[in-house]
Protein backbone atom coordinates (compact mmCIF):
# COMPACT_ATOMS: atom_id res chain seq x y z
CA MET A 1 -15.86 82.78 34.71
CA PRO A 2 -13.24 83.33 32.16
CA THR A 3 -14.31 82.74 28.68
CA ARG A 4 -11.83 80.84 26.29
CA GLN A 5 -10.33 84.23 24.92
CA ASP A 6 -9.48 85.38 28.36
CA ALA A 7 -7.85 82.39 29.03
CA PRO A 8 -4.14 82.75 30.08
CA THR A 9 -1.91 83.16 26.90
CA GLN A 10 0.73 79.98 28.15
CA HIS A 11 -2.20 77.49 27.10
CA THR A 12 -2.28 75.51 24.82
CA PRO A 13 -5.27 74.29 23.56
CA PRO A 14 -5.65 71.02 22.45
CA THR A 15 -4.55 69.25 18.57
CA PRO A 16 -6.21 66.77 16.58
CA ARG A 17 -3.65 63.88 17.13
CA ARG A 18 -4.36 60.66 16.17
CA LYS A 19 -2.17 58.44 18.31
CA PRO A 20 -1.36 60.61 21.59
CA LYS A 21 -0.96 57.63 23.32
CA PRO A 22 -0.37 53.81 23.46
CA GLU A 23 -3.26 51.36 22.18
CA VAL A 24 -5.17 49.55 24.45
CA THR A 25 -5.01 46.56 22.23
CA THR A 26 -5.70 43.91 25.10
CA ILE A 27 -7.15 43.16 28.51
CA GLY A 28 -4.42 41.29 30.26
CA ASN A 29 -3.44 38.65 28.19
CA ARG A 30 -6.75 38.73 26.21
CA PRO A 31 -6.40 40.34 22.51
CA LEU A 32 -9.55 42.79 21.68
CA SER A 33 -11.84 41.62 19.08
CA PRO A 34 -11.83 44.40 16.07
CA GLN A 35 -15.53 44.64 17.12
CA THR A 36 -14.33 45.99 20.12
CA LEU A 37 -11.32 48.14 18.42
CA MET A 38 -13.54 49.40 16.30
CA MET A 39 -15.26 51.91 18.88
CA GLY A 40 -12.62 53.95 19.33
CA TYR A 41 -8.74 52.21 17.77
CA GLY A 42 -6.56 55.18 17.03
CA TYR A 43 -8.13 58.25 18.59
CA ASP A 44 -8.00 59.99 21.89
CA PRO A 45 -11.35 62.41 22.53
CA ALA A 46 -8.93 64.74 24.67
CA LEU A 47 -6.76 66.03 22.27
CA SER A 48 -9.90 66.71 20.28
CA GLU A 49 -11.81 68.83 22.58
CA GLY A 50 -13.20 65.95 23.92
CA ALA A 51 -15.62 64.97 21.37
CA LEU A 52 -16.60 61.57 21.87
CA LYS A 53 -15.89 60.97 18.29
CA PRO A 54 -13.44 62.15 15.89
CA PRO A 55 -14.37 65.48 14.19
CA VAL A 56 -14.73 65.57 10.42
CA PHE A 57 -11.27 67.81 10.02
CA LEU A 58 -12.20 69.64 7.48
CA THR A 59 -8.47 71.50 6.06
CA SER A 60 -5.93 71.02 2.92
CA THR A 61 -2.77 71.87 4.62
CA PHE A 62 -1.90 71.25 8.48
CA ALA A 63 0.27 73.42 10.34
CA PHE A 64 4.25 72.24 11.22
CA GLU A 65 5.76 72.60 14.49
CA SER A 66 8.77 73.85 13.31
CA ALA A 67 10.40 74.06 9.99
CA ALA A 68 12.69 70.54 10.88
CA ALA A 69 9.71 68.70 11.52
CA GLY A 70 8.37 70.06 7.42
CA LYS A 71 11.45 68.67 6.31
CA ARG A 72 11.26 65.63 8.25
CA HIS A 73 7.70 64.89 6.75
CA PHE A 74 8.24 65.52 3.05
CA GLU A 75 11.34 63.35 3.38
CA GLY A 76 8.73 59.76 4.12
CA ILE A 77 6.15 61.82 1.63
CA THR A 78 9.00 61.69 -1.35
CA GLY A 79 10.89 58.43 -0.30
CA LYS A 80 14.00 60.40 0.50
CA ARG A 81 13.45 58.23 4.11
CA PRO A 82 11.74 55.65 4.62
CA GLY A 83 8.53 55.23 6.57
CA GLY A 84 6.36 57.83 5.49
CA ALA A 85 5.15 61.35 6.64
CA GLU A 86 5.37 61.64 10.69
CA GLY A 87 2.64 63.53 10.81
CA LEU A 88 -0.19 65.39 9.10
CA VAL A 89 1.08 67.49 6.11
CA TYR A 90 -1.74 68.13 3.42
CA SER A 91 -4.57 66.39 2.80
CA ARG A 92 -3.60 65.07 -0.67
CA PHE A 93 -1.46 62.91 0.93
CA ASN A 94 -2.55 62.57 4.81
CA GLY A 95 -4.98 63.53 7.44
CA PRO A 96 -6.78 62.60 10.93
CA ASN A 97 -10.24 60.48 9.56
CA GLN A 98 -8.48 58.95 6.76
CA GLU A 99 -5.34 57.72 9.32
CA ILE A 100 -8.11 56.32 11.65
CA LEU A 101 -9.58 54.86 8.67
CA GLU A 102 -6.73 52.97 7.68
CA ASP A 103 -5.40 52.25 11.13
CA ARG A 104 -9.11 50.33 11.92
CA LEU A 105 -9.42 48.68 8.26
CA SER A 106 -5.96 47.65 8.90
CA ILE A 107 -7.22 45.14 11.99
CA TRP A 108 -10.05 43.44 10.12
CA ASP A 109 -7.68 42.14 7.40
CA GLY A 110 -4.40 41.67 10.21
CA ALA A 111 -2.53 43.90 7.91
CA ASP A 112 0.37 46.38 8.74
CA ASP A 113 -0.85 49.11 6.69
CA ALA A 114 -3.62 50.31 5.08
CA LEU A 115 -5.19 52.41 1.77
CA CYS A 116 -8.13 54.43 1.78
CA PHE A 117 -9.39 55.82 -1.64
CA SER A 118 -12.04 58.16 -3.40
CA SER A 119 -13.66 54.71 -4.90
CA GLY A 120 -12.85 50.83 -4.91
CA MET A 121 -12.27 51.29 -9.10
CA THR A 122 -9.61 54.20 -7.66
CA ALA A 123 -7.73 51.83 -5.07
CA ILE A 124 -7.51 49.22 -8.25
CA CYS A 125 -5.90 51.78 -10.82
CA VAL A 126 -3.62 53.20 -8.72
CA LEU A 127 -2.61 49.54 -6.96
CA MET A 128 -1.75 48.04 -10.63
CA LEU A 129 -0.25 51.24 -12.15
CA ALA A 130 2.45 51.35 -8.83
CA TYR A 131 3.59 48.23 -10.03
CA CYS A 132 3.49 48.25 -13.40
CA SER A 133 5.71 48.88 -16.36
CA ALA A 134 6.01 48.61 -19.77
CA GLY A 135 6.33 44.81 -21.29
CA ASP A 136 4.89 43.77 -18.28
CA VAL A 137 2.73 40.76 -17.53
CA ILE A 138 -0.79 40.61 -15.21
CA VAL A 139 -1.93 37.46 -14.46
CA HIS A 140 -5.36 37.61 -13.78
CA SER A 141 -8.43 35.01 -12.50
CA GLY A 142 -11.87 35.72 -14.38
CA PRO A 143 -14.64 36.90 -13.80
CA LEU A 144 -13.80 40.00 -12.57
CA TYR A 145 -15.51 43.06 -11.81
CA ALA A 146 -16.44 44.30 -15.39
CA ALA A 147 -14.05 47.92 -15.12
CA SER A 148 -11.53 46.46 -13.33
CA GLU A 149 -11.31 43.71 -16.28
CA GLY A 150 -11.52 46.56 -18.66
CA PHE A 151 -8.94 48.55 -16.98
CA VAL A 152 -6.35 45.65 -17.67
CA ALA A 153 -7.85 44.95 -21.21
CA ARG A 154 -7.87 48.31 -22.53
CA THR A 155 -6.24 51.03 -20.37
CA LEU A 156 -2.74 49.06 -19.34
CA SER A 157 -2.78 47.85 -22.57
CA ARG A 158 -2.37 51.17 -24.00
CA PHE A 159 0.99 51.22 -21.96
CA GLY A 160 2.56 48.30 -23.08
CA VAL A 161 1.04 46.28 -20.07
CA THR A 162 -0.33 42.16 -21.15
CA TYR A 163 -2.32 39.83 -19.45
CA LEU A 164 -3.06 36.48 -18.93
CA ASP A 165 -6.07 35.23 -17.12
CA PHE A 166 -7.08 31.74 -15.29
CA PRO A 167 -10.62 30.73 -14.60
CA ALA A 168 -11.43 30.93 -10.97
CA GLY A 169 -11.52 27.18 -9.75
CA ALA A 170 -8.14 26.60 -11.23
CA SER A 171 -6.29 23.66 -9.69
CA ARG A 172 -2.47 24.44 -8.94
CA GLU A 173 -1.29 22.26 -11.95
CA ASP A 174 -3.09 24.34 -13.95
CA LEU A 175 -2.08 27.66 -12.43
CA GLU A 176 1.90 27.14 -12.76
CA ALA A 177 1.37 25.89 -16.04
CA VAL A 178 -0.59 29.68 -16.52
CA LEU A 179 2.02 31.41 -14.35
CA ALA A 180 4.67 29.67 -16.45
CA GLN A 181 3.27 31.18 -19.96
CA ALA A 182 3.47 34.49 -18.35
CA LYS A 183 7.20 34.07 -17.83
CA ASP A 184 8.01 33.51 -21.05
CA MET A 185 5.25 36.31 -22.36
CA ALA A 186 6.98 38.90 -19.93
CA ALA A 187 10.83 37.74 -20.92
CA SER A 188 9.66 38.28 -24.76
CA GLN A 189 8.64 41.45 -23.88
CA GLY A 190 11.31 42.74 -21.66
CA GLY A 191 9.25 42.92 -18.87
CA LYS A 192 7.97 40.78 -15.85
CA VAL A 193 5.40 39.53 -14.35
CA ALA A 194 4.00 41.99 -12.27
CA MET A 195 1.41 41.09 -10.29
CA ILE A 196 -1.31 37.96 -9.98
CA TYR A 197 -4.84 39.83 -9.06
CA LEU A 198 -7.77 37.60 -8.17
CA GLU A 199 -11.45 38.55 -7.43
CA SER A 200 -13.03 35.59 -4.69
CA PRO A 201 -15.96 35.41 -4.88
CA ALA A 202 -16.18 36.53 -8.53
CA ASN A 203 -18.46 39.08 -9.13
CA PRO A 204 -20.93 38.06 -10.43
CA THR A 205 -20.86 34.26 -10.48
CA ASN A 206 -19.34 34.29 -6.74
CA ALA A 207 -16.69 31.64 -8.06
CA LEU A 208 -14.09 30.85 -5.98
CA VAL A 209 -10.70 31.15 -6.23
CA ASP A 210 -8.21 29.08 -4.27
CA ILE A 211 -5.45 31.70 -2.69
CA GLU A 212 -3.60 28.72 -1.32
CA ALA A 213 -2.85 27.03 -4.46
CA VAL A 214 -1.97 30.62 -5.92
CA ARG A 215 0.41 31.31 -3.54
CA ASP A 216 2.22 27.51 -4.43
CA ALA A 217 2.17 28.67 -7.84
CA ARG A 218 4.14 32.17 -7.45
CA ASN A 219 6.76 30.37 -5.55
CA ALA A 220 7.31 27.87 -7.88
CA VAL A 221 7.31 29.07 -10.94
CA LEU A 222 7.85 32.74 -9.98
CA ALA A 223 9.35 34.56 -6.68
CA ALA A 224 7.73 36.05 -3.33
CA ASN A 225 8.16 39.32 -4.68
CA VAL A 226 5.55 39.15 -7.42
CA PRO A 227 2.33 40.67 -5.12
CA ILE A 228 -0.78 38.16 -5.24
CA ALA A 229 -3.77 40.71 -4.63
CA ILE A 230 -7.53 40.38 -4.27
CA ASP A 231 -10.63 41.88 -4.31
CA ASN A 232 -12.20 40.48 -1.19
CA THR A 233 -15.09 42.99 -1.67
CA PHE A 234 -18.37 40.35 -1.82
CA LEU A 235 -17.08 38.51 1.50
CA GLY A 236 -14.67 40.93 3.89
CA PRO A 237 -14.23 41.85 6.03
CA LEU A 238 -16.51 39.64 7.98
CA TRP A 239 -16.37 36.40 6.19
CA GLN A 240 -13.01 35.60 4.28
CA ARG A 241 -9.36 36.84 4.92
CA PRO A 242 -7.53 36.47 2.57
CA LEU A 243 -4.07 37.45 3.96
CA ASP A 244 -4.07 34.57 6.21
CA HIS A 245 -4.36 32.21 3.23
CA GLY A 246 -1.65 33.55 1.06
CA ALA A 247 -2.37 36.84 -0.14
CA ASP A 248 -0.49 39.79 -0.05
CA ILE A 249 -3.16 42.58 -0.78
CA VAL A 250 -6.37 42.64 0.07
CA VAL A 251 -8.84 45.64 -1.65
CA TYR A 252 -11.82 46.31 -0.94
CA SER A 253 -14.84 48.48 -2.72
CA LEU A 254 -15.82 50.52 0.63
CA THR A 255 -18.92 50.69 -0.25
CA LYS A 256 -20.38 47.47 -0.48
CA TYR A 257 -20.22 46.20 2.78
CA VAL A 258 -18.02 48.63 5.30
CA GLY A 259 -20.00 51.68 3.91
CA GLY A 260 -23.31 49.67 4.38
CA HIS A 261 -25.59 52.10 3.72
CA SER A 262 -25.75 53.12 -0.18
CA ASP A 263 -24.50 56.49 0.82
CA LEU A 264 -20.98 56.87 0.15
CA VAL A 265 -18.26 55.91 -2.25
CA ALA A 266 -14.99 54.93 -1.35
CA GLY A 267 -12.07 51.80 -1.43
CA SER A 268 -9.20 50.26 0.01
CA ILE A 269 -6.08 48.45 0.07
CA ALA A 270 -4.61 46.79 2.85
CA GLY A 271 -1.21 44.58 3.51
CA ALA A 272 2.17 44.23 4.52
CA LYS A 273 4.26 47.67 4.50
CA GLN A 274 6.71 46.83 1.32
CA TRP A 275 3.57 46.18 -0.50
CA ILE A 276 1.43 49.05 0.48
CA ASP A 277 4.73 51.65 0.46
CA PRO A 278 4.55 51.62 -3.23
CA VAL A 279 0.66 52.31 -3.78
CA ARG A 280 1.32 55.24 -1.14
CA MET A 281 3.73 56.94 -3.33
CA LEU A 282 2.13 56.85 -6.60
CA ARG A 283 -1.55 57.79 -4.32
CA ASN A 284 0.93 60.80 -3.06
CA THR A 285 1.53 62.07 -6.37
CA MET A 286 -1.64 61.35 -8.08
CA GLY A 287 -4.13 62.31 -5.06
CA GLY A 288 -7.55 59.93 -4.87
CA ILE A 289 -7.37 59.58 -1.50
CA ALA A 290 -10.76 59.64 0.24
CA ASP A 291 -12.49 62.74 1.68
CA PRO A 292 -12.47 63.41 5.35
CA ASN A 293 -16.37 63.47 5.70
CA THR A 294 -16.41 59.64 3.64
CA ALA A 295 -13.35 58.79 5.84
CA TRP A 296 -15.92 59.86 8.53
CA MET A 297 -19.07 57.93 7.24
CA LEU A 298 -17.07 54.87 7.07
CA LEU A 299 -15.49 55.35 10.75
CA ARG A 300 -19.27 55.19 12.11
CA SER A 301 -20.16 52.07 9.71
CA LEU A 302 -17.19 50.11 10.97
CA GLU A 303 -18.83 50.01 14.35
CA THR A 304 -22.02 48.20 12.85
CA VAL A 305 -20.37 45.99 9.84
CA GLU A 306 -20.21 43.31 11.68
CA LEU A 307 -23.88 43.02 13.35
CA ARG A 308 -25.30 44.34 9.45
CA MET A 309 -23.35 41.43 7.13
CA THR A 310 -24.17 39.00 10.51
CA ARG A 311 -27.98 39.76 9.70
CA ALA A 312 -27.69 40.17 5.84
CA GLY A 313 -25.91 36.55 5.79
CA GLU A 314 -29.00 35.03 7.68
CA ASN A 315 -31.56 36.83 5.62
CA ALA A 316 -29.63 35.33 2.72
CA ALA A 317 -29.40 31.31 3.86
CA LYS A 318 -33.36 31.64 4.74
CA VAL A 319 -33.80 33.42 1.07
CA CYS A 320 -31.76 31.08 -0.87
CA ALA A 321 -33.52 27.64 1.24
CA PHE A 322 -36.82 29.33 -0.33
CA LEU A 323 -35.85 29.78 -3.79
CA LYS A 324 -33.78 26.23 -4.53
CA ASP A 325 -36.97 24.72 -5.44
CA HIS A 326 -38.88 27.20 -6.67
CA PRO A 327 -40.11 26.63 -10.27
CA LYS A 328 -39.43 29.68 -11.85
CA VAL A 329 -35.83 29.15 -10.40
CA GLU A 330 -33.25 27.07 -12.58
CA GLY A 331 -30.38 27.95 -10.13
CA LEU A 332 -28.41 29.78 -7.37
CA GLY A 333 -24.92 30.67 -7.11
CA TYR A 334 -25.16 30.87 -3.23
CA LEU A 335 -22.21 30.05 -1.25
CA GLY A 336 -24.29 27.75 1.18
CA MET A 337 -25.50 25.30 -1.32
CA ILE A 338 -22.54 24.75 -3.17
CA ALA A 339 -23.05 21.55 -5.54
CA ASP A 340 -18.60 21.46 -7.22
CA ALA A 341 -16.30 19.27 -5.02
CA ARG A 342 -13.66 22.01 -6.44
CA GLN A 343 -15.56 25.57 -5.19
CA GLN A 344 -16.47 23.17 -1.74
CA ASP A 345 -13.01 22.73 -0.84
CA ILE A 346 -12.22 25.83 -1.12
CA PHE A 347 -15.03 27.71 0.87
CA ARG A 348 -14.04 25.35 3.71
CA ARG A 349 -10.71 26.03 4.05
CA HIS A 350 -10.95 30.06 2.69
CA CYS A 351 -14.03 31.18 4.06
CA SER A 352 -16.59 31.57 7.18
CA GLY A 353 -20.16 32.29 5.89
CA ALA A 354 -21.51 32.33 2.49
CA GLY A 355 -22.34 35.49 2.65
CA SER A 356 -25.40 38.09 1.36
CA THR A 357 -24.50 38.34 -2.48
CA PHE A 358 -25.71 35.59 -4.79
CA SER A 359 -27.19 35.12 -8.56
CA VAL A 360 -29.97 33.89 -9.13
CA PHE A 361 -30.82 32.40 -12.48
CA ILE A 362 -34.02 32.79 -13.77
CA LYS A 363 -36.08 30.10 -16.15
CA GLY A 364 -35.79 31.72 -19.48
CA GLY A 365 -33.69 34.90 -20.60
CA GLU A 366 -33.09 38.27 -20.12
CA ALA A 367 -37.07 38.87 -20.93
CA GLU A 368 -37.64 36.32 -17.92
CA SER A 369 -35.46 38.30 -16.20
CA PHE A 370 -36.63 41.35 -16.44
CA ARG A 371 -40.27 40.50 -15.53
CA PHE A 372 -38.81 39.31 -12.47
CA LEU A 373 -36.56 42.70 -11.75
CA ASP A 374 -39.49 44.91 -12.61
CA SER A 375 -41.74 43.12 -10.75
CA LEU A 376 -40.28 43.49 -7.14
CA LYS A 377 -41.86 45.62 -4.81
CA ILE A 378 -39.13 45.45 -1.41
CA ALA A 379 -36.19 44.62 -3.06
CA LYS A 380 -34.65 47.69 -5.14
CA LEU A 381 -33.72 47.55 -8.70
CA ALA A 382 -30.30 49.28 -8.71
CA VAL A 383 -26.32 48.16 -9.06
CA SER A 384 -23.93 47.36 -6.00
CA LEU A 385 -24.57 45.49 -3.31
CA GLY A 386 -23.56 45.36 0.61
CA GLY A 387 -25.98 48.29 1.88
CA THR A 388 -28.88 47.70 4.80
CA GLU A 389 -31.77 47.12 1.32
CA THR A 390 -31.85 44.02 -0.55
CA LEU A 391 -31.05 44.98 -4.39
CA ALA A 392 -30.89 43.30 -7.48
CA SER A 393 -29.54 43.54 -10.92
CA HIS A 394 -28.85 42.20 -14.42
CA PRO A 395 -25.18 42.08 -14.66
CA ALA A 396 -25.09 40.76 -18.71
CA ALA A 397 -27.33 44.20 -19.23
CA MET A 398 -25.55 46.54 -16.99
CA THR A 399 -22.75 45.78 -14.90
CA HIS A 400 -20.96 43.45 -17.25
CA LEU A 401 -22.65 45.22 -20.61
CA SER A 402 -19.32 45.99 -21.46
CA VAL A 403 -17.99 42.57 -21.67
CA PRO A 404 -17.72 41.05 -25.26
CA ASP A 405 -20.71 38.47 -25.29
CA GLU A 406 -18.26 35.49 -25.87
CA ARG A 407 -15.75 36.56 -22.95
CA LYS A 408 -19.78 36.76 -20.78
CA THR A 409 -20.48 33.43 -22.12
CA LYS A 410 -17.44 31.58 -21.03
CA LEU A 411 -17.40 33.36 -17.93
CA GLY A 412 -21.10 32.15 -17.06
CA ILE A 413 -22.84 36.00 -17.08
CA THR A 414 -25.87 34.85 -18.93
CA ASP A 415 -28.58 36.41 -20.24
CA ASN A 416 -30.81 34.66 -17.04
CA LEU A 417 -28.92 35.32 -14.46
CA VAL A 418 -29.93 38.59 -11.95
CA ARG A 419 -27.52 39.21 -8.69
CA VAL A 420 -29.23 39.88 -5.66
CA SER A 421 -27.51 41.37 -2.37
CA ILE A 422 -29.79 41.05 0.47
CA GLY A 423 -30.47 43.12 2.75
CA ILE A 424 -31.15 43.33 6.77
CA GLU A 425 -34.83 43.92 5.93
CA ASP A 426 -37.60 40.80 7.60
CA ALA A 427 -36.26 37.40 5.65
CA ASP A 428 -40.39 36.90 5.37
CA ASP A 429 -41.06 39.98 4.10
CA LEU A 430 -38.55 39.59 1.19
CA ILE A 431 -39.25 35.80 0.48
CA ALA A 432 -42.81 36.98 -0.39
CA ASP A 433 -41.38 39.78 -2.31
CA PHE A 434 -39.62 37.11 -4.70
CA ASP A 435 -42.34 34.85 -4.67
CA GLN A 436 -44.39 37.42 -5.65
CA ALA A 437 -42.10 38.69 -8.41
CA LEU A 438 -41.60 35.06 -9.80
CA MET A 439 -45.01 34.35 -10.08
CA ALA A 440 -44.96 37.85 -13.04
CA VAL A 441 -42.43 35.88 -14.68
């Protein structure tokens, strides 16, 4: 039998192309669900030596089939021709693992396009930089993740970008007033309202933003060409689809539920091509694309994201039912137990599940919260969320430490707030762990 080296010279080995044939997205008249499409969308084993799963393509550059093809690709990369590169060019721009990942991410949110990044904060920073110029104003909800808020308030401000913020549950009337103020502010600075940036549920309070009201206020006061972007990390991609409710761009820390195993860091954005293309152009220049191995790991994780999030959500409901009446617990910030009528209404319209990340308000202050955290045996004392294991942290002293005390008080980030992300362990074991830790308070 001839070896590979003895094969006829006219033989062309399979190439790692990612879209060799039309994708199967329906069976008869039935559209396939995201859960099914995660198993193979965007990849044909026949073009990668029959490998059932995509290989990890560790290469910095890609060979062009012709000089003319190389010119076409760079016309797309540089923006001289709309539509982007028609093929693989250079690993700062694109790669097989990253493009397959981006195709599958776009499916979950019903988006035209998606981009992956080396972290969630890289995604947020490149997104904002792509849309902001000196004199512009960003309008954002509050609270935001501390690094997001800090980038707007401290970094973008160095380049002449200002901001206005509003509380997460603001009504349409209040939103219109804030946007009108932002419009006047931008005009006085010779700029524009560059973006409305939301985080819903908010980190760490779980406060919800009315995306539909934001869209309606934007359309009434500004124009439809002002993008609405939203960090959907706490509920996405399973329990909330913001693009269906008026958002233009959805942002993720893929480190969290999508990655789901606390073993990688990555981020993404998704939306219509008109919103994604300017960000792609800046990413091409700055870099920040996820590396091939991380993209491959995320493809693995996307196959089980529904199963993991469903189990974690079920566990969270059981744990919160126990915590609700515990004598050492002052209150819960859990979407399955919302008391406020306004927040209930937003939840009913926007969300399909309560998630598995919530706030526990311990009776007392920092000392009591620390005693609780230090007494946990199953739950790990660590920041982040959305992993297979249960995590607990103290936002005021950890993730939001850099937020000024006055601002933390205004946003409800108190010394007795503990953020919990429930994992996929046995729910009764978790309840026993929380009970014994609370008894130590």
